[in-house]
C-alpha atoms as a PDB file:
ATOM      1  CA  MET A   1      -0.040   0.003   0.064  1.00  0.00           C
ATOM      2  CA  ALA A   2       1.089   3.553  -0.559  1.00  0.00           C
ATOM      3  CA  ASP A   3       2.433   5.700   2.270  1.00  0.00           C
ATOM      4  CA  TYR A   4       0.072   8.582   1.476  1.00  0.00           C
ATOM      5  CA  THR A   5       1.409  12.106   1.522  1.00  0.00           C
ATOM      6  CA  ARG A   6      -0.156  14.768   3.627  1.00  0.00           C
ATOM      7  CA  LEU A   7       0.415  18.455   2.697  1.00  0.00           C
ATOM      8  CA  THR A   8      -0.439  21.667   4.319  1.00  0.00           C
ATOM      9  CA  SER A   9      -1.672  24.677   2.449  1.00  0.00           C
ATOM     10  CA  GLU A  10       1.714  26.227   2.718  1.00  0.00           C
ATOM     11  CA  GLU A  11       3.472  23.239   1.200  1.00  0.00           C
ATOM     12  CA  VAL A  12       0.949  23.109  -1.666  1.00  0.00           C
ATOM     13  CA  LEU A  13       1.534  26.851  -2.190  1.00  0.00           C
ATOM     14  CA  GLY A  14       5.277  26.095  -2.533  1.00  0.00           C
ATOM     15  CA  LEU A  15       4.710  23.268  -5.083  1.00  0.00           C
ATOM     16  CA  ILE A  16       2.393  25.390  -7.247  1.00  0.00           C
ATOM     17  CA  GLY A  17       4.914  28.194  -7.420  1.00  0.00           C
ATOM     18  CA  ASP A  18       6.446  26.329 -10.244  1.00  0.00           C
ATOM     19  CA  TYR A  19       3.196  26.716 -12.286  1.00  0.00           C
ATOM     20  CA  ASP A  20       1.721  29.806 -13.897  1.00  0.00           C
ATOM     21  CA  ILE A  21      -1.959  29.265 -12.589  1.00  0.00           C
ATOM     22  CA  GLY A  22      -2.592  32.368 -10.561  1.00  0.00           C
ATOM     23  CA  LYS A  23      -3.100  32.952  -6.866  1.00  0.00           C
ATOM     24  CA  LEU A  24      -4.134  30.069  -4.595  1.00  0.00           C
ATOM     25  CA  VAL A  25      -7.718  30.285  -3.302  1.00  0.00           C
ATOM     26  CA  SER A  26      -8.253  26.975  -1.653  1.00  0.00           C
ATOM     27  CA  VAL A  27      -6.725  23.431  -1.424  1.00  0.00           C
ATOM     28  CA  SER A  28      -8.609  20.313  -0.305  1.00  0.00           C
ATOM     29  CA  PRO A  29      -7.507  16.519  -0.167  1.00  0.00           C
ATOM     30  CA  MET A  30      -9.361  14.189  -2.558  1.00  0.00           C
ATOM     31  CA  ALA A  31     -10.689  10.826  -1.683  1.00  0.00           C
ATOM     32  CA  GLY A  32      -9.698   7.717  -3.652  1.00  0.00           C
ATOM     33  CA  GLY A  33      -6.740   6.676  -5.502  1.00  0.00           C
ATOM     34  CA  GLN A  34      -4.391   3.832  -4.653  1.00  0.00           C
ATOM     35  CA  ALA A  35      -1.107   5.103  -5.634  1.00  0.00           C
ATOM     36  CA  ASN A  36      -1.490   8.846  -5.440  1.00  0.00           C
ATOM     37  CA  SER A  37      -2.310  11.485  -2.768  1.00  0.00           C
ATOM     38  CA  SER A  38      -4.240  13.982  -4.693  1.00  0.00           C
ATOM     39  CA  PHE A  39      -5.496  17.531  -3.793  1.00  0.00           C
ATOM     40  CA  GLN A  40      -8.068  19.843  -5.550  1.00  0.00           C
ATOM     41  CA  ILE A  41      -6.474  23.246  -6.127  1.00  0.00           C
ATOM     42  CA  LYS A  42      -8.609  26.420  -6.701  1.00  0.00           C
ATOM     43  CA  THR A  43      -6.875  29.606  -7.881  1.00  0.00           C
ATOM     44  CA  ASP A  44      -8.039  32.849  -9.305  1.00  0.00           C
ATOM     45  CA  GLN A  45      -7.489  31.207 -12.748  1.00  0.00           C
ATOM     46  CA  GLY A  46      -9.180  27.936 -12.501  1.00  0.00           C
ATOM     47  CA  SER A  47      -9.278  24.552 -10.789  1.00  0.00           C
ATOM     48  CA  TYR A  48      -6.648  21.815 -10.853  1.00  0.00           C
ATOM     49  CA  ILE A  49      -5.740  18.544  -9.471  1.00  0.00           C
ATOM     50  CA  LEU A  50      -2.278  18.072  -7.780  1.00  0.00           C
ATOM     51  CA  SER A  51      -1.077  14.516  -7.547  1.00  0.00           C
ATOM     52  CA  VAL A  52       1.823  13.155  -5.489  1.00  0.00           C
ATOM     53  CA  CYS A  53       2.894   9.949  -6.717  1.00  0.00           C
ATOM     54  CA  ASP A  54       3.478   7.691  -3.770  1.00  0.00           C
ATOM     55  CA  GLU A  55       4.256   4.633  -5.582  1.00  0.00           C
ATOM     56  CA  LYS A  56       5.490   5.597  -9.164  1.00  0.00           C
ATOM     57  CA  ASN A  57       9.077   6.636  -9.855  1.00  0.00           C
ATOM     58  CA  TYR A  58      10.275   9.529 -11.881  1.00  0.00           C
ATOM     59  CA  ASP A  59      10.533   7.582 -15.292  1.00  0.00           C
ATOM     60  CA  GLU A  60       6.956   5.930 -14.714  1.00  0.00           C
ATOM     61  CA  ILE A  61       5.434   9.310 -14.219  1.00  0.00           C
ATOM     62  CA  ASP A  62       7.324  10.948 -17.134  1.00  0.00           C
ATOM     63  CA  GLY A  63       5.849   8.165 -19.278  1.00  0.00           C
ATOM     64  CA  LEU A  64       2.317   8.834 -17.825  1.00  0.00           C
ATOM     65  CA  CYS A  65       2.628  12.602 -18.550  1.00  0.00           C
ATOM     66  CA  ARG A  66       3.851  11.782 -22.112  1.00  0.00           C
ATOM     67  CA  VAL A  67       0.726   9.516 -22.470  1.00  0.00           C
ATOM     68  CA  LEU A  68      -1.649  12.348 -21.359  1.00  0.00           C
ATOM     69  CA  GLU A  69      -0.174  14.846 -23.726  1.00  0.00           C
ATOM     70  CA  TYR A  70      -0.424  12.236 -26.644  1.00  0.00           C
ATOM     71  CA  LEU A  71      -4.032  11.562 -25.938  1.00  0.00           C
ATOM     72  CA  GLU A  72      -4.612  15.315 -25.918  1.00  0.00           C
ATOM     73  CA  THR A  73      -3.102  15.648 -29.456  1.00  0.00           C
ATOM     74  CA  LYS A  74      -5.524  12.720 -30.570  1.00  0.00           C
ATOM     75  CA  SER A  75      -8.649  14.554 -28.966  1.00  0.00           C
ATOM     76  CA  PHE A  76      -9.130  11.661 -26.521  1.00  0.00           C
ATOM     77  CA  SER A  77     -11.118  12.760 -23.458  1.00  0.00           C
ATOM     78  CA  THR A  78      -8.973  12.473 -20.420  1.00  0.00           C
ATOM     79  CA  SER A  79      -7.008  14.481 -17.857  1.00  0.00           C
ATOM     80  CA  ARG A  80      -5.127  17.395 -19.331  1.00  0.00           C
ATOM     81  CA  LEU A  81      -1.520  17.829 -18.071  1.00  0.00           C
ATOM     82  CA  VAL A  82      -0.434  21.190 -16.950  1.00  0.00           C
ATOM     83  CA  ARG A  83       3.300  21.984 -17.611  1.00  0.00           C
ATOM     84  CA  THR A  84       5.276  24.082 -15.360  1.00  0.00           C
ATOM     85  CA  SER A  85       6.357  27.549 -16.093  1.00  0.00           C
ATOM     86  CA  ALA A  86       9.723  26.110 -17.282  1.00  0.00           C
ATOM     87  CA  GLY A  87       7.975  23.552 -19.461  1.00  0.00           C
ATOM     88  CA  ASP A  88       8.584  20.456 -17.354  1.00  0.00           C
ATOM     89  CA  ARG A  89       5.972  17.820 -17.164  1.00  0.00           C
ATOM     90  CA  PHE A  90       6.285  17.041 -13.492  1.00  0.00           C
ATOM     91  CA  ILE A  91       8.085  18.372 -10.366  1.00  0.00           C
ATOM     92  CA  ARG A  92       9.674  16.773  -7.392  1.00  0.00           C
ATOM     93  CA  LEU A  93       8.688  16.473  -3.591  1.00  0.00           C
ATOM     94  CA  GLY A  94      11.649  14.747  -2.161  1.00  0.00           C
ATOM     95  CA  ASP A  95      11.803  11.373  -3.940  1.00  0.00           C
ATOM     96  CA  LYS A  96       8.190  11.633  -5.160  1.00  0.00           C
ATOM     97  CA  PRO A  97       7.157  12.955  -8.447  1.00  0.00           C
ATOM     98  CA  VAL A  98       4.274  15.568  -8.540  1.00  0.00           C
ATOM     99  CA  TYR A  99       2.196  16.420 -11.402  1.00  0.00           C
ATOM    100  CA  LEU A 100      -0.586  18.853 -12.194  1.00  0.00           C
ATOM    101  CA  LYS A 101      -3.778  18.398 -14.223  1.00  0.00           C
ATOM    102  CA  ALA A 102      -6.713  20.705 -15.085  1.00  0.00           C
ATOM    103  CA  PHE A 103      -9.715  19.789 -13.093  1.00  0.00           C
ATOM    104  CA  MET A 104     -12.587  18.147 -15.106  1.00  0.00           C
ATOM    105  CA  PRO A 105     -16.098  18.572 -13.903  1.00  0.00           C
ATOM    106  CA  GLY A 106     -18.499  15.623 -13.724  1.00  0.00           C
ATOM    107  CA  GLU A 107     -19.554  12.686 -11.616  1.00  0.00           C
ATOM    108  CA  VAL A 108     -18.293   9.121 -11.086  1.00  0.00           C
ATOM    109  CA  VAL A 109     -21.318   6.689 -11.262  1.00  0.00           C
ATOM    110  CA  SER A 110     -21.101   3.385  -9.891  1.00  0.00           C
ATOM    111  CA  SER A 111     -24.093   1.730 -11.698  1.00  0.00           C
ATOM    112  CA  LEU A 112     -23.744   2.377 -15.422  1.00  0.00           C
ATOM    113  CA  THR A 113     -26.868   2.299 -17.760  1.00  0.00           C
ATOM    114  CA  PRO A 114     -26.795   0.373 -20.998  1.00  0.00           C
ATOM    115  CA  PRO A 115     -26.234   3.687 -22.943  1.00  0.00           C
ATOM    116  CA  MET A 116     -23.330   4.650 -20.596  1.00  0.00           C
ATOM    117  CA  MET A 117     -21.843   1.143 -21.258  1.00  0.00           C
ATOM    118  CA  GLU A 118     -22.089   1.728 -24.884  1.00  0.00           C
ATOM    119  CA  GLN A 119     -20.197   4.972 -24.702  1.00  0.00           C
ATOM    120  CA  VAL A 120     -17.348   3.299 -22.632  1.00  0.00           C
ATOM    121  CA  GLY A 121     -17.063   0.632 -25.276  1.00  0.00           C
ATOM    122  CA  ARG A 122     -16.809   3.290 -28.101  1.00  0.00           C
ATOM    123  CA  ALA A 123     -14.112   5.164 -26.025  1.00  0.00           C
ATOM    124  CA  MET A 124     -12.230   1.851 -25.571  1.00  0.00           C
ATOM    125  CA  ALA A 125     -12.378   1.139 -29.222  1.00  0.00           C
ATOM    126  CA  ASP A 126     -11.030   4.677 -30.040  1.00  0.00           C
ATOM    127  CA  LEU A 127      -8.220   4.219 -27.673  1.00  0.00           C
ATOM    128  CA  HIS A 128      -7.367   0.669 -29.165  1.00  0.00           C
ATOM    129  CA  ALA A 129      -7.274   2.219 -32.529  1.00  0.00           C
ATOM    130  CA  LEU A 130      -4.543   4.840 -31.629  1.00  0.00           C
ATOM    131  CA  PRO A 131      -0.827   3.856 -32.407  1.00  0.00           C
ATOM    132  CA  PRO A 132       0.886   2.923 -29.229  1.00  0.00           C
ATOM    133  CA  LEU A 133       3.562   5.200 -27.917  1.00  0.00           C
ATOM    134  CA  ALA A 134       7.039   4.022 -27.594  1.00  0.00           C
ATOM    135  CA  VAL A 135       7.063   4.894 -23.802  1.00  0.00           C
ATOM    136  CA  LEU A 136       4.323   2.269 -23.187  1.00  0.00           C
ATOM    137  CA  PRO A 137       5.323  -0.807 -21.352  1.00  0.00           C
ATOM    138  CA  ASP A 138       4.941  -4.060 -23.253  1.00  0.00           C
ATOM    139  CA  HIS A 139       3.395  -5.889 -20.333  1.00  0.00           C
ATOM    140  CA  PHE A 140       0.607  -5.431 -17.715  1.00  0.00           C
ATOM    141  CA  PRO A 141       1.571  -5.451 -14.063  1.00  0.00           C
ATOM    142  CA  TYR A 142      -0.894  -8.209 -13.305  1.00  0.00           C
ATOM    143  CA  GLY A 143      -0.658 -10.128 -16.448  1.00  0.00           C
ATOM    144  CA  LEU A 144       0.789 -13.653 -16.941  1.00  0.00           C
ATOM    145  CA  GLU A 145       4.252 -12.416 -17.065  1.00  0.00           C
ATOM    146  CA  PHE A 146       4.187 -11.858 -13.230  1.00  0.00           C
ATOM    147  CA  PHE A 147       2.394 -15.017 -12.051  1.00  0.00           C
ATOM    148  CA  ASP A 148       5.587 -16.804 -11.168  1.00  0.00           C
ATOM    149  CA  GLU A 149       6.900 -13.671  -9.222  1.00  0.00           C
ATOM    150  CA  LEU A 150       3.787 -13.961  -7.330  1.00  0.00           C
ATOM    151  CA  PHE A 151       3.853 -17.554  -6.709  1.00  0.00           C
ATOM    152  CA  ASP A 152       7.533 -17.150  -5.441  1.00  0.00           C
ATOM    153  CA  SER A 153       6.815 -14.276  -3.053  1.00  0.00           C
ATOM    154  CA  GLY A 154       5.823 -16.521  -0.076  1.00  0.00           C
ATOM    155  CA  LEU A 155       2.512 -14.867   0.282  1.00  0.00           C
ATOM    156  CA  LYS A 156      -0.398 -16.915   1.509  1.00  0.00           C
ATOM    157  CA  HIS A 157      -3.759 -16.196   0.201  1.00  0.00           C
ATOM    158  CA  GLY A 158      -6.564 -18.179  -1.401  1.00  0.00           C
ATOM    159  CA  PHE A 159      -6.592 -16.094  -4.597  1.00  0.00           C
ATOM    160  CA  ILE A 160      -2.851 -17.201  -5.205  1.00  0.00           C
ATOM    161  CA  ASP A 161      -3.907 -20.839  -4.809  1.00  0.00           C
ATOM    162  CA  TRP A 162      -6.729 -20.354  -7.172  1.00  0.00           C
ATOM    163  CA  LEU A 163      -4.432 -18.623  -9.641  1.00  0.00           C
ATOM    164  CA  LYS A 164      -1.962 -21.419  -9.606  1.00  0.00           C
ATOM    165  CA  SER A 165      -4.804 -23.990 -10.368  1.00  0.00           C
ATOM    166  CA  ARG A 166      -5.810 -21.983 -13.430  1.00  0.00           C
ATOM    167  CA  GLN A 167      -2.460 -21.096 -14.847  1.00  0.00           C
ATOM    168  CA  ASP A 168      -2.176 -24.055 -17.053  1.00  0.00           C
ATOM    169  CA  TRP A 169      -5.750 -23.645 -18.411  1.00  0.00           C
ATOM    170  CA  LEU A 170      -4.990 -19.998 -19.122  1.00  0.00           C
ATOM    171  CA  LEU A 171      -1.781 -20.733 -21.001  1.00  0.00           C
ATOM    172  CA  SER A 172      -3.478 -23.379 -23.065  1.00  0.00           C
ATOM    173  CA  ASN A 173      -6.500 -21.292 -24.060  1.00  0.00           C
ATOM    174  CA  LEU A 174      -4.989 -17.747 -24.512  1.00  0.00           C
ATOM    175  CA  ASP A 175      -3.590 -16.943 -28.136  1.00  0.00           C
ATOM    176  CA  PRO A 176      -0.180 -15.404 -27.805  1.00  0.00           C
ATOM    177  CA  ASN A 177      -0.661 -13.932 -31.276  1.00  0.00           C
ATOM    178  CA  ALA A 178      -3.864 -12.105 -30.172  1.00  0.00           C
ATOM    179  CA  GLU A 179      -4.052  -8.428 -31.276  1.00  0.00           C
ATOM    180  CA  LYS A 180      -2.217  -6.127 -29.142  1.00  0.00           C
ATOM    181  CA  GLY A 181      -2.580  -2.223 -28.869  1.00  0.00           C
ATOM    182  CA  PHE A 182      -2.853   0.932 -26.752  1.00  0.00           C
ATOM    183  CA  ILE A 183      -4.848  -0.251 -23.732  1.00  0.00           C
ATOM    184  CA  HIS A 184      -5.857   1.468 -20.527  1.00  0.00           C
ATOM    185  CA  GLY A 185      -5.749  -1.672 -18.275  1.00  0.00           C
ATOM    186  CA  ASP A 186      -8.026  -0.437 -15.474  1.00  0.00           C
ATOM    187  CA  ILE A 187     -11.272   0.668 -17.049  1.00  0.00           C
ATOM    188  CA  PHE A 188     -13.717   0.449 -14.021  1.00  0.00           C
ATOM    189  CA  TRP A 189     -16.677   2.737 -12.960  1.00  0.00           C
ATOM    190  CA  ASP A 190     -14.524   4.768 -10.642  1.00  0.00           C
ATOM    191  CA  ASN A 191     -12.097   5.689 -13.564  1.00  0.00           C
ATOM    192  CA  LEU A 192     -14.922   7.129 -15.597  1.00  0.00           C
ATOM    193  CA  LEU A 193     -16.279  10.598 -15.545  1.00  0.00           C
ATOM    194  CA  PHE A 194     -19.828  11.294 -16.681  1.00  0.00           C
ATOM    195  CA  SER A 195     -21.742  14.650 -17.224  1.00  0.00           C
ATOM    196  CA  ARG A 196     -25.534  14.458 -17.501  1.00  0.00           C
ATOM    197  CA  GLY A 197     -25.347  10.807 -18.650  1.00  0.00           C
ATOM    198  CA  ARG A 198     -22.446  11.516 -21.160  1.00  0.00           C
ATOM    199  CA  LEU A 199     -19.065  10.209 -20.849  1.00  0.00           C
ATOM    200  CA  ALA A 200     -16.750  13.124 -20.171  1.00  0.00           C
ATOM    201  CA  ALA A 201     -13.474  11.481 -19.641  1.00  0.00           C
ATOM    202  CA  VAL A 202     -11.525   8.093 -19.100  1.00  0.00           C
ATOM    203  CA  LEU A 203      -9.260   8.800 -16.216  1.00  0.00           C
ATOM    204  CA  ASP A 204      -6.132   7.332 -14.588  1.00  0.00           C
ATOM    205  CA  PHE A 205      -3.880   6.008 -17.256  1.00  0.00           C
ATOM    206  CA  GLU A 206      -1.194   4.776 -14.772  1.00  0.00           C
ATOM    207  CA  GLU A 207      -1.443   1.284 -16.024  1.00  0.00           C
ATOM    208  CA  ALA A 208      -1.631   1.948 -19.682  1.00  0.00           C
ATOM    209  CA  CYS A 209       0.434  -0.317 -21.820  1.00  0.00           C
ATOM    210  CA  HIS A 210       0.890  -1.958 -25.211  1.00  0.00           C
ATOM    211  CA  TYR A 211      -0.794  -5.218 -24.534  1.00  0.00           C
ATOM    212  CA  TYR A 212      -3.624  -7.517 -25.532  1.00  0.00           C
ATOM    213  CA  LYS A 213      -6.723  -5.512 -26.493  1.00  0.00           C
ATOM    214  CA  LEU A 214      -8.715  -8.568 -25.150  1.00  0.00           C
ATOM    215  CA  TYR A 215      -7.151  -8.001 -21.641  1.00  0.00           C
ATOM    216  CA  ASP A 216      -8.600  -4.319 -21.555  1.00  0.00           C
ATOM    217  CA  ILE A 217     -12.118  -5.759 -22.560  1.00  0.00           C
ATOM    218  CA  GLY A 218     -12.030  -8.535 -19.915  1.00  0.00           C
ATOM    219  CA  MET A 219     -10.930  -6.116 -17.215  1.00  0.00           C
ATOM    220  CA  CYS A 220     -13.703  -3.769 -18.142  1.00  0.00           C
ATOM    221  CA  ILE A 221     -16.262  -6.459 -18.042  1.00  0.00           C
ATOM    222  CA  THR A 222     -15.153  -7.727 -14.578  1.00  0.00           C
END
């Protein structure tokens, strides 16, 4: 689990000093997130999300920031990165990377209607049609490639036993030549933003990679 970062208003003020976003009006911690500590920042120029990356390193966050900028050039609806006054994609808080995004209004909906699900499917298809960036990993952190590492970890859990029992079945039934592409890898309801029933954005591309498109579909269905 992440060791979540807590910041005072003064510390936030020091961090956003690297950005040309106006005078700080308010700052409030945001709930949710498993690898970041996020804060909603309001200034006299707009609203933003400041994320302190508690589990990702500099290279991983640089890759994420490049992904967000790439998606913006492709008009894909997701978070919009805000660069520093010096043009940097992220800044540093000790050994933790920090990046800033424009705040996107909308709501997270836990129970999607059929029309909402259709919109998600179309967004996923649009994403899968994009040429993958070179910075995207060629594996997924929870994919088959990491099963043996999990089995050798010494952890005791019923899920690990179940996974062991299904490994041979998975290897014999999955086509290694299945089509790969740009996938999100974590499309669940809490990573989707809606506005009046319309999909406003697909969020949280931390696990994006160049991997099996079918994996993305399977993760979303679950």
